[in-house]
Amino acid sequence: MAEITGMGGPFRRNINPYGGHGSTVWWNQVKSSLEKVRNLSVISLPPDAPQALAKLAQRTMKLQCTIQDGQVWLSDGTDTVHIELTTLLEAAR
């Protein structure tokens, strides 16, 4: 298991795992260590998110993003991708 370094200071930090089962295995391995980091949030993306987001990728692009209540909507003006986030760990306030 990796040592946690560089997480101090006043800033909040985020880790966003993705990949379905692989991220679940990772979380189960590091959960007890990461719960000790007060300024860290871990917010998981669903397994289909990377592929859905890739459909919006273009050489030059403008995306509009809305984030509300653990949900994200990204739109390029033509297509919209909806992603429901799962909070695994929330930073202390």
C-alpha atoms as a PDB file:
ATOM      1  CA  MET A   1       0.000   0.000   0.000  1.00  0.00           C
ATOM      2  CA  ALA A   2       1.314   3.433  -0.919  1.00  0.00           C
ATOM      3  CA  GLU A   3       2.238   5.990   1.698  1.00  0.00           C
ATOM      4  CA  ILE A   4       0.066   9.102   1.697  1.00  0.00           C
ATOM      5  CA  THR A   5       2.197  12.237   1.334  1.00  0.00           C
ATOM      6  CA  GLY A   6       1.622  15.785   0.152  1.00  0.00           C
ATOM      7  CA  MET A   7      -1.988  15.924   1.336  1.00  0.00           C
ATOM      8  CA  GLY A   8      -1.473  18.559   4.026  1.00  0.00           C
ATOM      9  CA  GLY A   9      -2.275  22.217   3.831  1.00  0.00           C
ATOM     10  CA  PRO A  10      -5.551  24.121   3.725  1.00  0.00           C
ATOM     11  CA  PHE A  11      -6.709  22.919   0.301  1.00  0.00           C
ATOM     12  CA  ARG A  12      -9.306  20.252  -0.314  1.00  0.00           C
ATOM     13  CA  ARG A  13      -8.154  17.348  -2.461  1.00  0.00           C
ATOM     14  CA  ASN A  14     -10.232  15.020  -4.642  1.00  0.00           C
ATOM     15  CA  ILE A  15      -9.630  11.550  -6.002  1.00  0.00           C
ATOM     16  CA  ASN A  16     -12.002  10.369  -8.711  1.00  0.00           C
ATOM     17  CA  PRO A  17     -11.648   6.627  -9.352  1.00  0.00           C
ATOM     18  CA  TYR A  18     -13.396   5.039 -12.312  1.00  0.00           C
ATOM     19  CA  GLY A  19     -13.533   1.626 -13.867  1.00  0.00           C
ATOM     20  CA  GLY A  20     -16.147  -0.425 -12.057  1.00  0.00           C
ATOM     21  CA  HIS A  21     -14.819  -3.481 -10.260  1.00  0.00           C
ATOM     22  CA  GLY A  22     -11.193  -2.306 -10.384  1.00  0.00           C
ATOM     23  CA  SER A  23     -12.018   0.905  -8.541  1.00  0.00           C
ATOM     24  CA  THR A  24     -14.037  -1.052  -5.959  1.00  0.00           C
ATOM     25  CA  VAL A  25     -11.043  -3.310  -5.297  1.00  0.00           C
ATOM     26  CA  TRP A  26      -8.767  -0.242  -5.054  1.00  0.00           C
ATOM     27  CA  TRP A  27     -11.145   1.495  -2.621  1.00  0.00           C
ATOM     28  CA  ASN A  28     -11.359  -1.566  -0.379  1.00  0.00           C
ATOM     29  CA  GLN A  29      -7.551  -1.659  -0.212  1.00  0.00           C
ATOM     30  CA  VAL A  30      -6.971   2.041   0.602  1.00  0.00           C
ATOM     31  CA  LYS A  31     -10.140   3.051   2.438  1.00  0.00           C
ATOM     32  CA  SER A  32      -8.747   2.818   5.971  1.00  0.00           C
ATOM     33  CA  SER A  33      -5.671   4.883   5.056  1.00  0.00           C
ATOM     34  CA  LEU A  34      -7.553   7.570   3.157  1.00  0.00           C
ATOM     35  CA  GLU A  35     -10.178   8.032   5.872  1.00  0.00           C
ATOM     36  CA  LYS A  36      -7.392   9.577   8.000  1.00  0.00           C
ATOM     37  CA  VAL A  37      -6.888  12.447   5.515  1.00  0.00           C
ATOM     38  CA  ARG A  38      -9.249  15.229   6.650  1.00  0.00           C
ATOM     39  CA  ASN A  39      -9.152  17.368   3.494  1.00  0.00           C
ATOM     40  CA  LEU A  40      -9.737  14.518   1.027  1.00  0.00           C
ATOM     41  CA  SER A  41     -12.882  13.590  -0.886  1.00  0.00           C
ATOM     42  CA  VAL A  42     -13.179  10.427  -2.956  1.00  0.00           C
ATOM     43  CA  ILE A  43     -15.930  10.593  -5.561  1.00  0.00           C
ATOM     44  CA  SER A  44     -16.394   7.586  -7.817  1.00  0.00           C
ATOM     45  CA  LEU A  45     -17.442   7.742 -11.456  1.00  0.00           C
ATOM     46  CA  PRO A  46     -19.618   4.956 -12.871  1.00  0.00           C
ATOM     47  CA  PRO A  47     -17.874   2.409 -15.135  1.00  0.00           C
ATOM     48  CA  ASP A  48     -19.522   3.741 -18.313  1.00  0.00           C
ATOM     49  CA  ALA A  49     -18.516   7.393 -17.701  1.00  0.00           C
ATOM     50  CA  PRO A  50     -15.173   7.417 -19.589  1.00  0.00           C
ATOM     51  CA  GLN A  51     -16.727   5.960 -22.734  1.00  0.00           C
ATOM     52  CA  ALA A  52     -19.688   8.355 -22.552  1.00  0.00           C
ATOM     53  CA  LEU A  53     -17.362  11.344 -22.079  1.00  0.00           C
ATOM     54  CA  ALA A  54     -15.170  10.217 -24.969  1.00  0.00           C
ATOM     55  CA  LYS A  55     -18.129  10.721 -27.305  1.00  0.00           C
ATOM     56  CA  LEU A  56     -17.986  14.456 -26.534  1.00  0.00           C
ATOM     57  CA  ALA A  57     -14.253  14.744 -27.269  1.00  0.00           C
ATOM     58  CA  GLN A  58     -13.318  16.810 -30.299  1.00  0.00           C
ATOM     59  CA  ARG A  59     -10.173  18.546 -31.476  1.00  0.00           C
ATOM     60  CA  THR A  60     -11.646  21.912 -30.511  1.00  0.00           C
ATOM     61  CA  MET A  61     -14.569  21.775 -28.156  1.00  0.00           C
ATOM     62  CA  LYS A  62     -16.649  23.849 -25.824  1.00  0.00           C
ATOM     63  CA  LEU A  63     -18.445  22.026 -23.067  1.00  0.00           C
ATOM     64  CA  GLN A  64     -21.039  23.267 -20.641  1.00  0.00           C
ATOM     65  CA  CYS A  65     -21.027  21.557 -17.244  1.00  0.00           C
ATOM     66  CA  THR A  66     -23.720  21.491 -14.582  1.00  0.00           C
ATOM     67  CA  ILE A  67     -23.032  19.861 -11.223  1.00  0.00           C
ATOM     68  CA  GLN A  68     -25.852  19.465  -8.730  1.00  0.00           C
ATOM     69  CA  ASP A  69     -26.715  16.986  -5.980  1.00  0.00           C
ATOM     70  CA  GLY A  70     -24.079  14.440  -6.962  1.00  0.00           C
ATOM     71  CA  GLN A  71     -24.982  14.539 -10.640  1.00  0.00           C
ATOM     72  CA  VAL A  72     -23.044  15.963 -13.574  1.00  0.00           C
ATOM     73  CA  TRP A  73     -24.348  16.989 -16.987  1.00  0.00           C
ATOM     74  CA  LEU A  74     -21.847  17.785 -19.744  1.00  0.00           C
ATOM     75  CA  SER A  75     -23.065  19.130 -23.056  1.00  0.00           C
ATOM     76  CA  ASP A  76     -21.358  20.161 -26.268  1.00  0.00           C
ATOM     77  CA  GLY A  77     -24.480  21.901 -27.568  1.00  0.00           C
ATOM     78  CA  THR A  78     -25.621  18.840 -29.496  1.00  0.00           C
ATOM     79  CA  ASP A  79     -25.153  15.874 -27.173  1.00  0.00           C
ATOM     80  CA  THR A  80     -25.442  15.666 -23.397  1.00  0.00           C
ATOM     81  CA  VAL A  81     -23.824  13.156 -21.050  1.00  0.00           C
ATOM     82  CA  HIS A  82     -25.300  12.566 -17.599  1.00  0.00           C
ATOM     83  CA  ILE A  83     -23.068  11.096 -14.892  1.00  0.00           C
ATOM     84  CA  GLU A  84     -24.235  10.125 -11.423  1.00  0.00           C
ATOM     85  CA  LEU A  85     -21.416  10.389  -8.901  1.00  0.00           C
ATOM     86  CA  THR A  86     -20.975   8.209  -5.802  1.00  0.00           C
ATOM     87  CA  THR A  87     -19.303   9.832  -2.803  1.00  0.00           C
ATOM     88  CA  LEU A  88     -17.090   7.285  -1.084  1.00  0.00           C
ATOM     89  CA  LEU A  89     -15.429   9.743   1.310  1.00  0.00           C
ATOM     90  CA  GLU A  90     -16.283  13.372   2.022  1.00  0.00           C
ATOM     91  CA  ALA A  91     -13.660  15.849   3.244  1.00  0.00           C
ATOM     92  CA  ALA A  92     -14.108  17.225   6.731  1.00  0.00           C
ATOM     93  CA  ARG A  93     -15.366  20.773   6.716  1.00  0.00           C
END
